[in-house]
Amino acid sequence: MKRVSCFAHLAPAAAAHHERLDGRGYHRGLSGRDIPSAARVLCAADICDALLASRPYREGLPVERVLDIMRRESGAALDPSCVEALTTVLRDGLHEAGASTPAAHLVDALQEDYAQAA
């Protein structure tokens, strides 16, 4: 991501999105406040997406099951505020709205970068 100018500022967060609050993540072994807030958000979103998505070896999990799994990891692996935000989004059905719409069509700040990348 560092090589693409419109995404370069996201590279540190993307690199840290497998870190855990308890320090048992990878690849740097960061913990607690050393993990950037954007990485905490990406971590929660990545896990949520992985659990909701169907894979060749299993169907996607139902929303309530995803929330149960994420709640169990809240405070140890996942930032509780990120889990709370995802709970709100998933319970309100906001994850289905615009699921196939590029983010640049939903977030004005991304439109210029999207046009350059296209």
C-alpha atoms as a PDB file:
ATOM      1  CA  MET A   1       0.000   0.000   0.000  1.00  0.00           C
ATOM      2  CA  LYS A   2       2.929   2.273   0.671  1.00  0.00           C
ATOM      3  CA  ARG A   3       3.700   2.430  -3.069  1.00  0.00           C
ATOM      4  CA  VAL A   4       0.249   3.713  -4.077  1.00  0.00           C
ATOM      5  CA  SER A   5       0.082   7.378  -3.134  1.00  0.00           C
ATOM      6  CA  CYS A   6      -3.626   7.474  -2.354  1.00  0.00           C
ATOM      7  CA  PHE A   7      -3.225   4.553   0.072  1.00  0.00           C
ATOM      8  CA  ALA A   8       0.246   5.249   1.512  1.00  0.00           C
ATOM      9  CA  HIS A   9      -1.142   6.844   4.661  1.00  0.00           C
ATOM     10  CA  LEU A  10      -3.004   3.596   5.416  1.00  0.00           C
ATOM     11  CA  ALA A  11       0.074   1.351   5.199  1.00  0.00           C
ATOM     12  CA  PRO A  12       0.988   1.485   8.925  1.00  0.00           C
ATOM     13  CA  ALA A  13      -2.563   0.566   9.966  1.00  0.00           C
ATOM     14  CA  ALA A  14      -2.799  -2.199   7.383  1.00  0.00           C
ATOM     15  CA  ALA A  15       0.538  -3.622   8.533  1.00  0.00           C
ATOM     16  CA  ALA A  16      -0.677  -3.734  12.140  1.00  0.00           C
ATOM     17  CA  HIS A  17      -4.174  -5.117  11.618  1.00  0.00           C
ATOM     18  CA  HIS A  18      -3.212  -8.591  12.873  1.00  0.00           C
ATOM     19  CA  GLU A  19      -1.929  -7.266  16.187  1.00  0.00           C
ATOM     20  CA  ARG A  20      -3.942  -8.036  19.335  1.00  0.00           C
ATOM     21  CA  LEU A  21      -4.557  -5.851  22.372  1.00  0.00           C
ATOM     22  CA  ASP A  22      -3.004  -8.547  24.571  1.00  0.00           C
ATOM     23  CA  GLY A  23       0.214  -8.577  22.485  1.00  0.00           C
ATOM     24  CA  ARG A  24      -0.266 -12.069  21.065  1.00  0.00           C
ATOM     25  CA  GLY A  25      -0.810 -10.903  17.490  1.00  0.00           C
ATOM     26  CA  TYR A  26       1.684 -10.561  14.681  1.00  0.00           C
ATOM     27  CA  HIS A  27       3.928  -9.379  13.094  1.00  0.00           C
ATOM     28  CA  ARG A  28       5.368  -6.803  15.457  1.00  0.00           C
ATOM     29  CA  GLY A  29       3.920  -8.043  18.748  1.00  0.00           C
ATOM     30  CA  LEU A  30       2.325  -4.673  19.517  1.00  0.00           C
ATOM     31  CA  SER A  31      -0.153  -4.432  22.356  1.00  0.00           C
ATOM     32  CA  GLY A  32      -2.627  -2.028  23.898  1.00  0.00           C
ATOM     33  CA  ARG A  33      -2.124   1.618  23.041  1.00  0.00           C
ATOM     34  CA  ASP A  34       0.819   0.816  20.753  1.00  0.00           C
ATOM     35  CA  ILE A  35      -1.669  -0.440  18.167  1.00  0.00           C
ATOM     36  CA  PRO A  36      -2.907   2.464  16.015  1.00  0.00           C
ATOM     37  CA  SER A  37      -6.645   3.087  16.258  1.00  0.00           C
ATOM     38  CA  ALA A  38      -7.055   2.603  12.503  1.00  0.00           C
ATOM     39  CA  ALA A  39      -5.424  -0.832  12.827  1.00  0.00           C
ATOM     40  CA  ARG A  40      -7.887  -1.712  15.590  1.00  0.00           C
ATOM     41  CA  VAL A  41     -10.778  -0.820  13.301  1.00  0.00           C
ATOM     42  CA  LEU A  42      -9.287  -2.791  10.404  1.00  0.00           C
ATOM     43  CA  CYS A  43      -8.695  -5.786  12.656  1.00  0.00           C
ATOM     44  CA  ALA A  44     -12.320  -5.902  13.760  1.00  0.00           C
ATOM     45  CA  ALA A  45     -13.586  -5.347  10.208  1.00  0.00           C
ATOM     46  CA  ASP A  46     -11.271  -8.039   8.816  1.00  0.00           C
ATOM     47  CA  ILE A  47     -12.371 -10.636  11.352  1.00  0.00           C
ATOM     48  CA  CYS A  48     -16.023  -9.720  10.888  1.00  0.00           C
ATOM     49  CA  ASP A  49     -15.747  -9.998   7.109  1.00  0.00           C
ATOM     50  CA  ALA A  50     -13.916 -13.327   7.350  1.00  0.00           C
ATOM     51  CA  LEU A  51     -16.612 -14.776   9.587  1.00  0.00           C
ATOM     52  CA  LEU A  52     -19.543 -13.462   7.541  1.00  0.00           C
ATOM     53  CA  ALA A  53     -18.131 -14.536   4.168  1.00  0.00           C
ATOM     54  CA  SER A  54     -18.715 -17.967   2.714  1.00  0.00           C
ATOM     55  CA  ARG A  55     -15.557 -19.964   2.084  1.00  0.00           C
ATOM     56  CA  PRO A  56     -15.044 -23.068  -0.050  1.00  0.00           C
ATOM     57  CA  TYR A  57     -14.962 -25.121   3.153  1.00  0.00           C
ATOM     58  CA  ARG A  58     -17.910 -23.484   5.008  1.00  0.00           C
ATOM     59  CA  GLU A  59     -20.873 -21.163   4.648  1.00  0.00           C
ATOM     60  CA  GLY A  60     -20.698 -17.666   6.082  1.00  0.00           C
ATOM     61  CA  LEU A  61     -21.756 -17.498   9.701  1.00  0.00           C
ATOM     62  CA  PRO A  62     -24.991 -15.833  10.813  1.00  0.00           C
ATOM     63  CA  VAL A  63     -24.691 -12.328  12.259  1.00  0.00           C
ATOM     64  CA  GLU A  64     -25.487 -13.407  15.836  1.00  0.00           C
ATOM     65  CA  ARG A  65     -22.774 -16.074  15.753  1.00  0.00           C
ATOM     66  CA  VAL A  66     -20.254 -13.545  14.394  1.00  0.00           C
ATOM     67  CA  LEU A  67     -21.162 -11.140  17.202  1.00  0.00           C
ATOM     68  CA  ASP A  68     -20.802 -13.892  19.817  1.00  0.00           C
ATOM     69  CA  ILE A  69     -17.320 -14.756  18.572  1.00  0.00           C
ATOM     70  CA  MET A  70     -16.251 -11.123  18.433  1.00  0.00           C
ATOM     71  CA  ARG A  71     -17.624 -10.389  21.904  1.00  0.00           C
ATOM     72  CA  ARG A  72     -15.551 -13.244  23.320  1.00  0.00           C
ATOM     73  CA  GLU A  73     -12.427 -11.644  21.831  1.00  0.00           C
ATOM     74  CA  SER A  74     -13.372  -8.128  22.970  1.00  0.00           C
ATOM     75  CA  GLY A  75     -10.763  -6.709  25.322  1.00  0.00           C
ATOM     76  CA  ALA A  76      -8.186  -9.434  24.642  1.00  0.00           C
ATOM     77  CA  ALA A  77      -7.756  -9.387  20.878  1.00  0.00           C
ATOM     78  CA  LEU A  78     -10.255  -6.756  19.794  1.00  0.00           C
ATOM     79  CA  ASP A  79     -10.867  -3.195  20.880  1.00  0.00           C
ATOM     80  CA  PRO A  80     -14.217  -3.175  22.741  1.00  0.00           C
ATOM     81  CA  SER A  81     -15.296   0.078  21.068  1.00  0.00           C
ATOM     82  CA  CYS A  82     -14.744  -1.488  17.633  1.00  0.00           C
ATOM     83  CA  VAL A  83     -16.796  -4.525  18.617  1.00  0.00           C
ATOM     84  CA  GLU A  84     -19.530  -2.234  19.892  1.00  0.00           C
ATOM     85  CA  ALA A  85     -19.548  -0.256  16.631  1.00  0.00           C
ATOM     86  CA  LEU A  86     -19.711  -3.437  14.561  1.00  0.00           C
ATOM     87  CA  THR A  87     -22.533  -4.710  16.731  1.00  0.00           C
ATOM     88  CA  THR A  88     -24.505  -1.569  15.950  1.00  0.00           C
ATOM     89  CA  VAL A  89     -23.819  -1.843  12.216  1.00  0.00           C
ATOM     90  CA  LEU A  90     -24.671  -5.529  12.036  1.00  0.00           C
ATOM     91  CA  ARG A  91     -27.783  -5.320  14.202  1.00  0.00           C
ATOM     92  CA  ASP A  92     -29.140  -2.344  12.274  1.00  0.00           C
ATOM     93  CA  GLY A  93     -28.566  -4.123   8.958  1.00  0.00           C
ATOM     94  CA  LEU A  94     -26.258  -1.405   7.682  1.00  0.00           C
ATOM     95  CA  HIS A  95     -23.768  -3.993   6.411  1.00  0.00           C
ATOM     96  CA  GLU A  96     -26.161  -4.977   3.622  1.00  0.00           C
ATOM     97  CA  ALA A  97     -26.783  -1.447   2.369  1.00  0.00           C
ATOM     98  CA  GLY A  98     -24.408  -0.710  -0.465  1.00  0.00           C
ATOM     99  CA  ALA A  99     -22.488  -3.971  -0.046  1.00  0.00           C
ATOM    100  CA  SER A 100     -21.645  -4.050  -3.749  1.00  0.00           C
ATOM    101  CA  THR A 101     -21.173  -0.297  -4.078  1.00  0.00           C
ATOM    102  CA  PRO A 102     -17.553   0.913  -4.144  1.00  0.00           C
ATOM    103  CA  ALA A 103     -16.677   2.878  -1.017  1.00  0.00           C
ATOM    104  CA  ALA A 104     -15.699   5.830  -3.200  1.00  0.00           C
ATOM    105  CA  HIS A 105     -19.341   6.196  -4.159  1.00  0.00           C
ATOM    106  CA  LEU A 106     -20.314   6.362  -0.494  1.00  0.00           C
ATOM    107  CA  VAL A 107     -17.424   8.411   0.950  1.00  0.00           C
ATOM    108  CA  ASP A 108     -16.795  11.734  -0.788  1.00  0.00           C
ATOM    109  CA  ALA A 109     -13.175  11.933   0.379  1.00  0.00           C
ATOM    110  CA  LEU A 110     -12.332   8.784  -1.606  1.00  0.00           C
ATOM    111  CA  GLN A 111     -13.794   9.862  -4.936  1.00  0.00           C
ATOM    112  CA  GLU A 112     -10.684  11.584  -6.297  1.00  0.00           C
ATOM    113  CA  ASP A 113      -8.391   8.685  -5.313  1.00  0.00           C
ATOM    114  CA  TYR A 114     -10.855   6.205  -6.838  1.00  0.00           C
ATOM    115  CA  ALA A 115     -10.898   8.105 -10.128  1.00  0.00           C
ATOM    116  CA  GLN A 116      -7.084   8.178 -10.218  1.00  0.00           C
ATOM    117  CA  ALA A 117      -6.823   4.458  -9.515  1.00  0.00           C
ATOM    118  CA  ALA A 118      -9.450   3.466 -12.100  1.00  0.00           C
END
